[in-house]
PDB file of N, CA and C in Angstrom:
ATOM      1  N   MET A   1       0.998  -1.242  -0.268  1.00  0.00           N
ATOM      2  CA  MET A   1       0.127  -0.156   0.089  1.00  0.00           C
ATOM      3  C   MET A   1       0.925   1.340  -0.007  1.00  0.00           C
ATOM      4  N   THR A   2       0.703   2.053  -0.825  1.00  0.00           N
ATOM      5  CA  THR A   2       1.272   3.432  -0.962  1.00  0.00           C
ATOM      6  C   THR A   2       0.835   4.524  -0.063  1.00  0.00           C
ATOM      7  N   TYR A   3       1.820   5.459   0.241  1.00  0.00           N
ATOM      8  CA  TYR A   3       1.337   6.654   1.186  1.00  0.00           C
ATOM      9  C   TYR A   3       1.248   7.470   0.398  1.00  0.00           C
ATOM     10  N   SER A   4      -0.126   8.272   0.321  1.00  0.00           N
ATOM     11  CA  SER A   4      -0.404   9.315  -0.653  1.00  0.00           C
ATOM     12  C   SER A   4      -0.225  10.626  -0.192  1.00  0.00           C
ATOM     13  N   CYS A   5      -0.360  11.691  -0.632  1.00  0.00           N
ATOM     14  CA  CYS A   5      -0.366  13.094  -0.391  1.00  0.00           C
ATOM     15  C   CYS A   5      -1.474  13.302   0.838  1.00  0.00           C
ATOM     16  N   SER A   6      -2.444  12.692   0.462  1.00  0.00           N
ATOM     17  CA  SER A   6      -3.448  12.945   1.456  1.00  0.00           C
ATOM     18  C   SER A   6      -3.563  12.113   2.512  1.00  0.00           C
ATOM     19  N   ASP A   7      -2.885  11.027   2.762  1.00  0.00           N
ATOM     20  CA  ASP A   7      -2.174  10.418   4.015  1.00  0.00           C
ATOM     21  C   ASP A   7      -1.406  11.097   4.599  1.00  0.00           C
ATOM     22  N   PHE A   8      -0.035  11.851   4.021  1.00  0.00           N
ATOM     23  CA  PHE A   8       0.305  12.636   4.788  1.00  0.00           C
ATOM     24  C   PHE A   8      -0.124  14.100   5.137  1.00  0.00           C
ATOM     25  N   ALA A   9      -0.962  14.499   4.554  1.00  0.00           N
ATOM     26  CA  ALA A   9      -1.736  15.936   4.872  1.00  0.00           C
ATOM     27  C   ALA A   9      -2.737  15.362   6.436  1.00  0.00           C
ATOM     28  N   ASP A  10      -3.208  14.186   6.278  1.00  0.00           N
ATOM     29  CA  ASP A  10      -3.889  13.755   7.444  1.00  0.00           C
ATOM     30  C   ASP A  10      -3.178  13.767   8.672  1.00  0.00           C
ATOM     31  N   GLY A  11      -1.853  12.747   8.443  1.00  0.00           N
ATOM     32  CA  GLY A  11      -0.975  12.803   9.337  1.00  0.00           C
ATOM     33  C   GLY A  11      -0.618  14.018   9.948  1.00  0.00           C
ATOM     34  N   VAL A  12      -0.191  15.067   9.379  1.00  0.00           N
ATOM     35  CA  VAL A  12       0.092  16.233  10.019  1.00  0.00           C
ATOM     36  C   VAL A  12      -0.848  16.905  10.623  1.00  0.00           C
ATOM     37  N   VAL A  13      -1.858  16.729  10.113  1.00  0.00           N
ATOM     38  CA  VAL A  13      -3.387  17.296  10.917  1.00  0.00           C
ATOM     39  C   VAL A  13      -3.765  16.598  11.932  1.00  0.00           C
ATOM     40  N   ASP A  14      -3.838  15.332  12.057  1.00  0.00           N
ATOM     41  CA  ASP A  14      -3.893  14.510  13.136  1.00  0.00           C
ATOM     42  C   ASP A  14      -2.923  14.600  14.065  1.00  0.00           C
ATOM     43  N   THR A  15      -1.705  14.941  14.089  1.00  0.00           N
ATOM     44  CA  THR A  15      -0.519  15.052  14.963  1.00  0.00           C
ATOM     45  C   THR A  15      -0.836  16.511  15.534  1.00  0.00           C
ATOM     46  N   LEU A  16      -0.865  17.467  14.588  1.00  0.00           N
ATOM     47  CA  LEU A  16      -1.424  18.551  15.419  1.00  0.00           C
ATOM     48  C   LEU A  16      -2.303  18.896  16.358  1.00  0.00           C
ATOM     49  N   VAL A  17      -3.350  18.087  15.993  1.00  0.00           N
ATOM     50  CA  VAL A  17      -4.536  17.700  16.703  1.00  0.00           C
ATOM     51  C   VAL A  17      -4.287  17.425  18.140  1.00  0.00           C
ATOM     52  N   ALA A  18      -3.534  16.503  17.847  1.00  0.00           N
ATOM     53  CA  ALA A  18      -2.870  15.216  19.245  1.00  0.00           C
ATOM     54  C   ALA A  18      -2.265  16.447  20.218  1.00  0.00           C
ATOM     55  N   LEU A  19      -1.479  17.166  19.275  1.00  0.00           N
ATOM     56  CA  LEU A  19      -0.372  17.930  20.499  1.00  0.00           C
ATOM     57  C   LEU A  19      -1.060  18.919  20.927  1.00  0.00           C
ATOM     58  N   GLY A  20      -2.215  19.342  20.288  1.00  0.00           N
ATOM     59  CA  GLY A  20      -3.013  20.401  20.939  1.00  0.00           C
ATOM     60  C   GLY A  20      -2.614  21.897  20.333  1.00  0.00           C
ATOM     61  N   GLU A  21      -2.135  21.840  19.211  1.00  0.00           N
ATOM     62  CA  GLU A  21      -1.958  23.104  18.462  1.00  0.00           C
ATOM     63  C   GLU A  21      -2.761  23.423  17.476  1.00  0.00           C
ATOM     64  N   ILE A  22      -3.879  22.569  17.176  1.00  0.00           N
ATOM     65  CA  ILE A  22      -5.248  23.097  16.157  1.00  0.00           C
ATOM     66  C   ILE A  22      -5.685  22.354  16.903  1.00  0.00           C
ATOM     67  N   LYS A  23      -7.182  22.735  16.883  1.00  0.00           N
ATOM     68  CA  LYS A  23      -8.526  22.180  17.001  1.00  0.00           C
ATOM     69  C   LYS A  23      -9.121  21.327  15.986  1.00  0.00           C
ATOM     70  N   GLY A  24      -9.487  20.056  16.216  1.00  0.00           N
ATOM     71  CA  GLY A  24     -10.107  19.146  15.329  1.00  0.00           C
ATOM     72  C   GLY A  24     -11.394  19.649  14.740  1.00  0.00           C
ATOM     73  N   ALA A  25     -11.961  20.404  15.642  1.00  0.00           N
ATOM     74  CA  ALA A  25     -13.298  20.890  14.875  1.00  0.00           C
ATOM     75  C   ALA A  25     -13.064  22.178  13.869  1.00  0.00           C
ATOM     76  N   ASN A  26     -11.837  22.736  13.773  1.00  0.00           N
ATOM     77  CA  ASN A  26     -11.706  23.992  12.786  1.00  0.00           C
ATOM     78  C   ASN A  26     -10.954  23.551  11.954  1.00  0.00           C
ATOM     79  N   VAL A  27     -10.689  21.859  11.637  1.00  0.00           N
ATOM     80  CA  VAL A  27     -10.076  21.582  10.639  1.00  0.00           C
ATOM     81  C   VAL A  27     -10.814  21.284   9.092  1.00  0.00           C
ATOM     82  N   PRO A  28     -10.950  21.935   8.279  1.00  0.00           N
ATOM     83  CA  PRO A  28     -11.595  22.039   7.379  1.00  0.00           C
ATOM     84  C   PRO A  28     -11.948  20.572   6.464  1.00  0.00           C
ATOM     85  N   ALA A  29     -12.793  19.798   6.078  1.00  0.00           N
ATOM     86  CA  ALA A  29     -12.500  18.395   5.282  1.00  0.00           C
ATOM     87  C   ALA A  29     -12.459  18.533   4.148  1.00  0.00           C
ATOM     88  N   ASP A  30     -11.825  17.986   3.253  1.00  0.00           N
ATOM     89  CA  ASP A  30     -11.420  17.851   1.731  1.00  0.00           C
ATOM     90  C   ASP A  30     -11.484  19.396   1.166  1.00  0.00           C
ATOM     91  N   ASP A  31     -10.182  20.189   2.198  1.00  0.00           N
ATOM     92  CA  ASP A  31      -9.953  21.372   1.836  1.00  0.00           C
ATOM     93  C   ASP A  31      -8.825  21.600   1.972  1.00  0.00           C
ATOM     94  N   PRO A  32      -7.715  21.209   1.235  1.00  0.00           N
ATOM     95  CA  PRO A  32      -6.358  21.473   1.524  1.00  0.00           C
ATOM     96  C   PRO A  32      -5.354  22.554   1.807  1.00  0.00           C
ATOM     97  N   GLU A  33      -6.387  23.591   1.148  1.00  0.00           N
ATOM     98  CA  GLU A  33      -5.817  24.979   1.522  1.00  0.00           C
ATOM     99  C   GLU A  33      -6.348  25.743   2.601  1.00  0.00           C
ATOM    100  N   GLY A  34      -7.363  25.243   3.128  1.00  0.00           N
ATOM    101  CA  GLY A  34      -7.908  25.382   4.413  1.00  0.00           C
ATOM    102  C   GLY A  34      -7.228  24.856   5.351  1.00  0.00           C
ATOM    103  N   GLN A  35      -6.583  23.523   5.255  1.00  0.00           N
ATOM    104  CA  GLN A  35      -5.774  22.622   6.326  1.00  0.00           C
ATOM    105  C   GLN A  35      -4.953  23.514   6.164  1.00  0.00           C
ATOM    106  N   ALA A  36      -4.036  23.569   5.190  1.00  0.00           N
ATOM    107  CA  ALA A  36      -2.519  24.588   5.185  1.00  0.00           C
ATOM    108  C   ALA A  36      -2.680  25.826   6.056  1.00  0.00           C
ATOM    109  N   ASN A  37      -3.716  26.450   5.576  1.00  0.00           N
ATOM    110  CA  ASN A  37      -3.819  28.006   6.230  1.00  0.00           C
ATOM    111  C   ASN A  37      -3.971  27.688   8.093  1.00  0.00           C
ATOM    112  N   LEU A  38      -4.572  26.447   8.226  1.00  0.00           N
ATOM    113  CA  LEU A  38      -4.330  26.190   9.531  1.00  0.00           C
ATOM    114  C   LEU A  38      -3.245  25.821  10.063  1.00  0.00           C
ATOM    115  N   VAL A  39      -2.620  24.670   9.727  1.00  0.00           N
ATOM    116  CA  VAL A  39      -1.562  23.690  10.017  1.00  0.00           C
ATOM    117  C   VAL A  39      -0.084  24.917   9.962  1.00  0.00           C
ATOM    118  N   ILE A  40       0.082  25.342   8.827  1.00  0.00           N
ATOM    119  CA  ILE A  40       1.170  26.497   8.547  1.00  0.00           C
ATOM    120  C   ILE A  40       1.579  27.073   9.811  1.00  0.00           C
ATOM    121  N   PRO A  41       0.605  27.873  10.236  1.00  0.00           N
ATOM    122  CA  PRO A  41       0.725  28.808  11.448  1.00  0.00           C
ATOM    123  C   PRO A  41       1.017  28.124  12.591  1.00  0.00           C
ATOM    124  N   ALA A  42       0.339  27.085  12.760  1.00  0.00           N
ATOM    125  CA  ALA A  42       0.714  26.077  14.016  1.00  0.00           C
ATOM    126  C   ALA A  42       1.914  25.631  14.125  1.00  0.00           C
ATOM    127  N   ILE A  43       2.696  25.273  13.038  1.00  0.00           N
ATOM    128  CA  ILE A  43       4.266  24.669  13.102  1.00  0.00           C
ATOM    129  C   ILE A  43       5.057  26.126  13.224  1.00  0.00           C
ATOM    130  N   TYR A  44       4.730  27.329  12.764  1.00  0.00           N
ATOM    131  CA  TYR A  44       5.702  28.383  12.998  1.00  0.00           C
ATOM    132  C   TYR A  44       5.264  28.892  14.569  1.00  0.00           C
ATOM    133  N   ARG A  45       4.177  28.549  14.861  1.00  0.00           N
ATOM    134  CA  ARG A  45       4.139  28.816  16.631  1.00  0.00           C
ATOM    135  C   ARG A  45       5.216  27.953  16.946  1.00  0.00           C
ATOM    136  N   MET A  46       4.688  26.885  17.149  1.00  0.00           N
ATOM    137  CA  MET A  46       5.483  25.632  17.530  1.00  0.00           C
ATOM    138  C   MET A  46       7.333  25.920  17.432  1.00  0.00           C
ATOM    139  N   HIS A  47       7.669  26.200  16.321  1.00  0.00           N
ATOM    140  CA  HIS A  47       8.950  26.772  15.969  1.00  0.00           C
ATOM    141  C   HIS A  47       9.409  27.496  16.864  1.00  0.00           C
ATOM    142  N   ARG A  48       8.706  28.539  16.919  1.00  0.00           N
ATOM    143  CA  ARG A  48       9.195  30.222  17.633  1.00  0.00           C
ATOM    144  C   ARG A  48       8.966  29.456  19.137  1.00  0.00           C
ATOM    145  N   SER A  49       8.368  28.847  19.496  1.00  0.00           N
ATOM    146  CA  SER A  49       8.315  28.120  21.054  1.00  0.00           C
ATOM    147  C   SER A  49       9.615  27.542  21.392  1.00  0.00           C
ATOM    148  N   ALA A  50      10.112  26.560  20.376  1.00  0.00           N
ATOM    149  CA  ALA A  50      11.269  25.960  20.715  1.00  0.00           C
ATOM    150  C   ALA A  50      12.475  26.918  20.400  1.00  0.00           C
ATOM    151  N   VAL A  51      12.478  27.831  19.666  1.00  0.00           N
ATOM    152  CA  VAL A  51      13.636  29.114  19.395  1.00  0.00           C
ATOM    153  C   VAL A  51      13.509  29.528  21.266  1.00  0.00           C
ATOM    154  N   LEU A  52      12.743  30.210  21.378  1.00  0.00           N
ATOM    155  CA  LEU A  52      12.470  30.991  22.541  1.00  0.00           C
ATOM    156  C   LEU A  52      13.082  30.056  23.686  1.00  0.00           C
ATOM    157  N   ALA A  53      12.783  28.585  23.749  1.00  0.00           N
ATOM    158  CA  ALA A  53      13.194  27.789  24.707  1.00  0.00           C
ATOM    159  C   ALA A  53      14.483  27.958  24.699  1.00  0.00           C
ATOM    160  N   ASP A  54      15.083  27.543  23.520  1.00  0.00           N
ATOM    161  CA  ASP A  54      16.261  27.188  23.226  1.00  0.00           C
ATOM    162  C   ASP A  54      17.290  28.516  23.843  1.00  0.00           C
ATOM    163  N   ARG A  55      16.874  29.548  23.347  1.00  0.00           N
ATOM    164  CA  ARG A  55      17.501  31.073  24.039  1.00  0.00           C
ATOM    165  C   ARG A  55      17.130  31.220  25.685  1.00  0.00           C
ATOM    166  N   GLU A  56      16.211  30.838  25.884  1.00  0.00           N
ATOM    167  CA  GLU A  56      16.339  30.824  27.344  1.00  0.00           C
ATOM    168  C   GLU A  56      17.214  29.940  27.918  1.00  0.00           C
ATOM    169  N   LEU A  57      17.198  28.896  27.772  1.00  0.00           N
ATOM    170  CA  LEU A  57      18.312  27.656  28.102  1.00  0.00           C
ATOM    171  C   LEU A  57      19.695  28.417  28.050  1.00  0.00           C
ATOM    172  N   ALA A  58      20.092  28.743  26.620  1.00  0.00           N
ATOM    173  CA  ALA A  58      21.334  29.336  26.280  1.00  0.00           C
ATOM    174  C   ALA A  58      21.734  30.281  27.291  1.00  0.00           C
ATOM    175  N   ALA A  59      20.677  31.440  27.791  1.00  0.00           N
ATOM    176  CA  ALA A  59      21.059  32.128  28.564  1.00  0.00           C
ATOM    177  C   ALA A  59      21.475  31.656  29.894  1.00  0.00           C
ATOM    178  N   ALA A  60      20.561  30.693  30.469  1.00  0.00           N
ATOM    179  CA  ALA A  60      20.481  30.183  31.742  1.00  0.00           C
ATOM    180  C   ALA A  60      21.723  29.356  31.972  1.00  0.00           C
ATOM    181  N   PHE A  61      22.161  29.015  30.876  1.00  0.00           N
ATOM    182  CA  PHE A  61      23.494  28.122  30.912  1.00  0.00           C
ATOM    183  C   PHE A  61      24.569  28.869  30.018  1.00  0.00           C
ATOM    184  N   GLY A  62      24.374  30.018  29.827  1.00  0.00           N
ATOM    185  CA  GLY A  62      25.820  31.008  29.108  1.00  0.00           C
ATOM    186  C   GLY A  62      27.006  31.272  29.757  1.00  0.00           C
ATOM    187  N   ALA A  63      27.135  31.162  30.981  1.00  0.00           N
ATOM    188  CA  ALA A  63      28.420  31.406  31.719  1.00  0.00           C
ATOM    189  C   ALA A  63      28.400  30.616  32.856  1.00  0.00           C
ATOM    190  N   VAL A  64      28.532  29.198  32.607  1.00  0.00           N
ATOM    191  CA  VAL A  64      28.304  28.213  33.788  1.00  0.00           C
ATOM    192  C   VAL A  64      30.004  27.473  33.747  1.00  0.00           C
ATOM    193  N   ASP A  65      30.578  28.279  34.433  1.00  0.00           N
ATOM    194  CA  ASP A  65      32.161  27.824  34.404  1.00  0.00           C
ATOM    195  C   ASP A  65      32.384  27.345  35.853  1.00  0.00           C
ATOM    196  N   THR A  66      31.488  27.829  36.737  1.00  0.00           N
ATOM    197  CA  THR A  66      31.688  27.700  38.124  1.00  0.00           C
ATOM    198  C   THR A  66      30.706  26.683  38.638  1.00  0.00           C
ATOM    199  N   ASP A  67      30.990  25.942  39.865  1.00  0.00           N
ATOM    200  CA  ASP A  67      29.937  25.429  40.409  1.00  0.00           C
ATOM    201  C   ASP A  67      28.349  26.371  41.040  1.00  0.00           C
ATOM    202  N   GLN A  68      29.005  27.703  41.666  1.00  0.00           N
ATOM    203  CA  GLN A  68      27.927  28.505  42.031  1.00  0.00           C
ATOM    204  C   GLN A  68      26.806  28.638  40.554  1.00  0.00           C
ATOM    205  N   ALA A  69      27.606  29.048  39.417  1.00  0.00           N
ATOM    206  CA  ALA A  69      26.909  29.407  38.241  1.00  0.00           C
ATOM    207  C   ALA A  69      26.216  28.135  37.648  1.00  0.00           C
ATOM    208  N   ARG A  70      26.340  26.492  37.852  1.00  0.00           N
ATOM    209  CA  ARG A  70      25.857  25.717  37.374  1.00  0.00           C
ATOM    210  C   ARG A  70      24.536  25.501  38.507  1.00  0.00           C
ATOM    211  N   VAL A  71      24.743  25.847  39.887  1.00  0.00           N
ATOM    212  CA  VAL A  71      23.572  25.672  40.891  1.00  0.00           C
ATOM    213  C   VAL A  71      22.790  26.600  40.313  1.00  0.00           C
ATOM    214  N   GLU A  72      23.035  27.959  40.145  1.00  0.00           N
ATOM    215  CA  GLU A  72      22.199  29.186  39.544  1.00  0.00           C
ATOM    216  C   GLU A  72      21.527  28.677  38.664  1.00  0.00           C
ATOM    217  N   ALA A  73      22.045  28.274  37.627  1.00  0.00           N
ATOM    218  CA  ALA A  73      21.160  27.909  36.241  1.00  0.00           C
ATOM    219  C   ALA A  73      20.252  26.806  36.620  1.00  0.00           C
ATOM    220  N   ALA A  74      20.669  26.068  37.418  1.00  0.00           N
ATOM    221  CA  ALA A  74      19.859  24.716  37.642  1.00  0.00           C
ATOM    222  C   ALA A  74      18.680  25.467  38.514  1.00  0.00           C
ATOM    223  N   MET A  75      18.706  26.108  39.157  1.00  0.00           N
ATOM    224  CA  MET A  75      17.757  27.117  40.259  1.00  0.00           C
ATOM    225  C   MET A  75      16.856  27.754  38.866  1.00  0.00           C
ATOM    226  N   VAL A  76      17.325  28.287  37.857  1.00  0.00           N
ATOM    227  CA  VAL A  76      16.480  29.215  37.081  1.00  0.00           C
ATOM    228  C   VAL A  76      15.478  28.071  36.227  1.00  0.00           C
ATOM    229  N   LEU A  77      15.879  26.934  35.897  1.00  0.00           N
ATOM    230  CA  LEU A  77      15.315  25.736  35.499  1.00  0.00           C
ATOM    231  C   LEU A  77      13.894  25.367  36.221  1.00  0.00           C
ATOM    232  N   MET A  78      14.611  25.418  37.723  1.00  0.00           N
ATOM    233  CA  MET A  78      13.781  24.481  38.570  1.00  0.00           C
ATOM    234  C   MET A  78      12.461  25.637  38.775  1.00  0.00           C
ATOM    235  N   ARG A  79      12.937  27.112  38.844  1.00  0.00           N
ATOM    236  CA  ARG A  79      11.825  27.700  39.212  1.00  0.00           C
ATOM    237  C   ARG A  79      10.830  27.935  37.765  1.00  0.00           C
ATOM    238  N   LYS A  80      11.492  27.400  36.568  1.00  0.00           N
ATOM    239  CA  LYS A  80      10.478  27.666  35.352  1.00  0.00           C
ATOM    240  C   LYS A  80       9.667  26.508  35.286  1.00  0.00           C
ATOM    241  N   ALA A  81      10.224  25.464  36.148  1.00  0.00           N
ATOM    242  CA  ALA A  81       9.427  24.190  36.223  1.00  0.00           C
ATOM    243  C   ALA A  81       8.488  24.147  37.038  1.00  0.00           C
ATOM    244  N   ARG A  82       8.518  25.022  38.463  1.00  0.00           N
ATOM    245  CA  ARG A  82       7.611  25.290  39.224  1.00  0.00           C
ATOM    246  C   ARG A  82       6.251  25.890  38.818  1.00  0.00           C
ATOM    247  N   THR A  83       6.873  27.176  38.071  1.00  0.00           N
ATOM    248  CA  THR A  83       5.489  28.068  37.297  1.00  0.00           C
ATOM    249  C   THR A  83       4.774  26.931  36.728  1.00  0.00           C
ATOM    250  N   LEU A  84       5.311  26.045  36.048  1.00  0.00           N
ATOM    251  CA  LEU A  84       4.558  25.375  34.484  1.00  0.00           C
ATOM    252  C   LEU A  84       4.031  24.464  35.716  1.00  0.00           C
ATOM    253  N   LEU A  85       4.330  23.743  36.580  1.00  0.00           N
ATOM    254  CA  LEU A  85       3.490  22.632  37.537  1.00  0.00           C
ATOM    255  C   LEU A  85       2.506  23.243  38.211  1.00  0.00           C
ATOM    256  N   LYS A  86       2.445  24.656  38.777  1.00  0.00           N
ATOM    257  CA  LYS A  86       1.831  25.149  39.417  1.00  0.00           C
ATOM    258  C   LYS A  86       0.698  25.623  38.306  1.00  0.00           C
ATOM    259  N   GLN A  87       0.945  26.031  37.171  1.00  0.00           N
ATOM    260  CA  GLN A  87      -0.269  26.375  36.035  1.00  0.00           C
ATOM    261  C   GLN A  87      -0.851  25.010  35.607  1.00  0.00           C
ATOM    262  N   ALA A  88      -0.344  23.995  35.766  1.00  0.00           N
ATOM    263  CA  ALA A  88      -0.902  22.508  35.276  1.00  0.00           C
ATOM    264  C   ALA A  88      -1.723  21.742  36.828  1.00  0.00           C
ATOM    265  N   ARG A  89      -1.584  22.651  37.736  1.00  0.00           N
ATOM    266  CA  ARG A  89      -1.959  22.014  38.808  1.00  0.00           C
ATOM    267  C   ARG A  89      -1.489  20.885  39.292  1.00  0.00           C
ATOM    268  N   ALA A  90      -0.507  20.368  39.113  1.00  0.00           N
ATOM    269  CA  ALA A  90       0.216  19.411  39.546  1.00  0.00           C
ATOM    270  C   ALA A  90       0.619  19.373  40.846  1.00  0.00           C
ATOM    271  N   ARG A  91      -0.098  19.139  41.887  1.00  0.00           N
ATOM    272  CA  ARG A  91      -0.133  19.559  43.289  1.00  0.00           C
ATOM    273  C   ARG A  91       1.511  18.846  44.013  1.00  0.00           C
ATOM    274  N   LYS A  92       0.971  17.562  43.779  1.00  0.00           N
ATOM    275  CA  LYS A  92       2.274  16.518  44.567  1.00  0.00           C
ATOM    276  C   LYS A  92       3.536  16.898  43.613  1.00  0.00           C
ATOM    277  N   THR A  93       3.883  16.753  42.483  1.00  0.00           N
ATOM    278  CA  THR A  93       5.057  17.447  41.851  1.00  0.00           C
ATOM    279  C   THR A  93       5.379  18.338  42.297  1.00  0.00           C
ATOM    280  N   LEU A  94       4.555  19.704  42.190  1.00  0.00           N
ATOM    281  CA  LEU A  94       4.972  20.616  42.726  1.00  0.00           C
ATOM    282  C   LEU A  94       5.651  20.837  44.130  1.00  0.00           C
ATOM    283  N   ALA A  95       4.699  20.287  44.983  1.00  0.00           N
ATOM    284  CA  ALA A  95       5.424  20.025  46.310  1.00  0.00           C
ATOM    285  C   ALA A  95       6.855  19.481  46.352  1.00  0.00           C
ATOM    286  N   ARG A  96       7.129  18.673  45.553  1.00  0.00           N
ATOM    287  CA  ARG A  96       8.312  18.092  45.506  1.00  0.00           C
ATOM    288  C   ARG A  96       9.475  18.878  44.830  1.00  0.00           C
ATOM    289  N   VAL A  97       8.978  19.878  43.848  1.00  0.00           N
ATOM    290  CA  VAL A  97       9.934  20.888  43.146  1.00  0.00           C
ATOM    291  C   VAL A  97      10.032  21.831  44.405  1.00  0.00           C
ATOM    292  N   ARG A  98       9.150  22.623  44.770  1.00  0.00           N
ATOM    293  CA  ARG A  98       9.605  23.583  46.204  1.00  0.00           C
ATOM    294  C   ARG A  98      10.571  22.974  47.129  1.00  0.00           C
ATOM    295  N   ALA A  99      10.554  21.358  47.491  1.00  0.00           N
ATOM    296  CA  ALA A  99      11.345  21.099  48.468  1.00  0.00           C
ATOM    297  C   ALA A  99      12.612  21.011  47.667  1.00  0.00           C
ATOM    298  N   ALA A 100      12.829  20.803  46.742  1.00  0.00           N
ATOM    299  CA  ALA A 100      14.098  20.527  45.842  1.00  0.00           C
ATOM    300  C   ALA A 100      14.802  21.644  45.559  1.00  0.00           C
ATOM    301  N   LEU A 101      13.759  23.064  45.434  1.00  0.00           N
ATOM    302  CA  LEU A 101      14.513  24.243  45.460  1.00  0.00           C
ATOM    303  C   LEU A 101      15.123  24.844  46.684  1.00  0.00           C
ATOM    304  N   LYS A 102      14.380  24.508  47.817  1.00  0.00           N
ATOM    305  CA  LYS A 102      15.320  24.660  48.714  1.00  0.00           C
ATOM    306  C   LYS A 102      16.410  24.047  49.382  1.00  0.00           C
ATOM    307  N   SER A 103      16.492  22.655  48.619  1.00  0.00           N
ATOM    308  CA  SER A 103      17.833  22.134  48.473  1.00  0.00           C
ATOM    309  C   SER A 103      18.891  22.404  47.887  1.00  0.00           C
ATOM    310  N   VAL A 104      18.347  22.899  46.941  1.00  0.00           N
ATOM    311  CA  VAL A 104      19.331  23.844  45.666  1.00  0.00           C
ATOM    312  C   VAL A 104      19.694  24.971  46.318  1.00  0.00           C
ATOM    313  N   ASP A 105      18.935  25.728  47.006  1.00  0.00           N
ATOM    314  CA  ASP A 105      19.435  26.983  47.590  1.00  0.00           C
ATOM    315  C   ASP A 105      20.616  26.559  48.680  1.00  0.00           C
ATOM    316  N   GLY A 106      20.573  25.714  49.386  1.00  0.00           N
ATOM    317  CA  GLY A 106      21.773  25.189  50.128  1.00  0.00           C
ATOM    318  C   GLY A 106      22.693  24.572  49.394  1.00  0.00           C
ATOM    319  N   ALA A 107      22.754  24.392  48.389  1.00  0.00           N
ATOM    320  CA  ALA A 107      23.809  23.731  47.248  1.00  0.00           C
ATOM    321  C   ALA A 107      24.501  25.201  46.957  1.00  0.00           C
ATOM    322  N   ARG A 108      23.699  26.099  46.615  1.00  0.00           N
ATOM    323  CA  ARG A 108      24.144  27.508  45.712  1.00  0.00           C
ATOM    324  C   ARG A 108      25.212  27.949  47.018  1.00  0.00           C
ATOM    325  N   ARG A 109      24.519  28.231  48.531  1.00  0.00           N
ATOM    326  CA  ARG A 109      25.215  28.866  49.377  1.00  0.00           C
ATOM    327  C   ARG A 109      26.384  27.891  49.698  1.00  0.00           C
ATOM    328  N   ASN A 110      26.545  26.586  49.401  1.00  0.00           N
ATOM    329  CA  ASN A 110      27.891  25.784  49.928  1.00  0.00           C
ATOM    330  C   ASN A 110      28.755  26.163  48.870  1.00  0.00           C
ATOM    331  N   ALA A 111      28.342  25.818  47.535  1.00  0.00           N
ATOM    332  CA  ALA A 111      29.310  26.475  46.406  1.00  0.00           C
ATOM    333  C   ALA A 111      29.735  27.742  46.330  1.00  0.00           C
ATOM    334  N   ARG A 112      29.125  28.767  47.023  1.00  0.00           N
ATOM    335  CA  ARG A 112      29.737  30.127  47.122  1.00  0.00           C
ATOM    336  C   ARG A 112      30.555  29.933  48.140  1.00  0.00           C
ATOM    337  N   SER A 113      30.338  29.351  49.272  1.00  0.00           N
ATOM    338  CA  SER A 113      31.417  28.851  50.316  1.00  0.00           C
ATOM    339  C   SER A 113      32.654  28.408  49.640  1.00  0.00           C
ATOM    340  N   ARG A 114      32.471  27.475  49.052  1.00  0.00           N
ATOM    341  CA  ARG A 114      33.793  26.688  48.110  1.00  0.00           C
ATOM    342  C   ARG A 114      34.711  27.392  47.739  1.00  0.00           C
ATOM    343  N   GLU A 115      33.742  28.384  46.857  1.00  0.00           N
ATOM    344  CA  GLU A 115      34.456  29.476  46.212  1.00  0.00           C
ATOM    345  C   GLU A 115      35.377  30.716  46.663  1.00  0.00           C
ATOM    346  N   ILE A 116      35.053  31.347  47.862  1.00  0.00           N
ATOM    347  CA  ILE A 116      35.067  32.254  48.869  1.00  0.00           C
ATOM    348  C   ILE A 116      36.540  31.610  49.405  1.00  0.00           C
ATOM    349  N   ARG A 117      36.779  29.975  49.743  1.00  0.00           N
ATOM    350  CA  ARG A 117      37.560  29.819  50.464  1.00  0.00           C
ATOM    351  C   ARG A 117      38.929  29.303  49.687  1.00  0.00           C
ATOM    352  N   SER A 118      38.468  29.367  48.177  1.00  0.00           N
ATOM    353  CA  SER A 118      39.181  28.725  47.397  1.00  0.00           C
ATOM    354  C   SER A 118      40.271  29.877  46.755  1.00  0.00           C
ATOM    355  N   VAL A 119      39.682  31.251  46.965  1.00  0.00           N
ATOM    356  CA  VAL A 119      40.376  32.549  46.423  1.00  0.00           C
ATOM    357  C   VAL A 119      41.547  32.708  47.530  1.00  0.00           C
TER     358      VAL A 119
END
């Protein structure tokens, strides 16, 4: 059995619906132009989100040449995770991330002390 252009288009649309990037009810049936008008902006939005996330990670890890900088970069990411988990109402995981953040704060103080002593 061959894979047609229609199969490909259906696969792309179904994937974007499953990812929540477009709503299935908004997808016009048997209208490739209408589907493209819905799918292409969704792909651009996804790409833009990925690029922004990459930039955020690069900024967080830009100058991680010391233990203190590494711990602080981890704290940035954990705070972001805390915010997202709060929005997702993931209470149990959120509680664990909050506890981990307290522990990481101790690691940051420890790293700072080690750096001061080594100078």
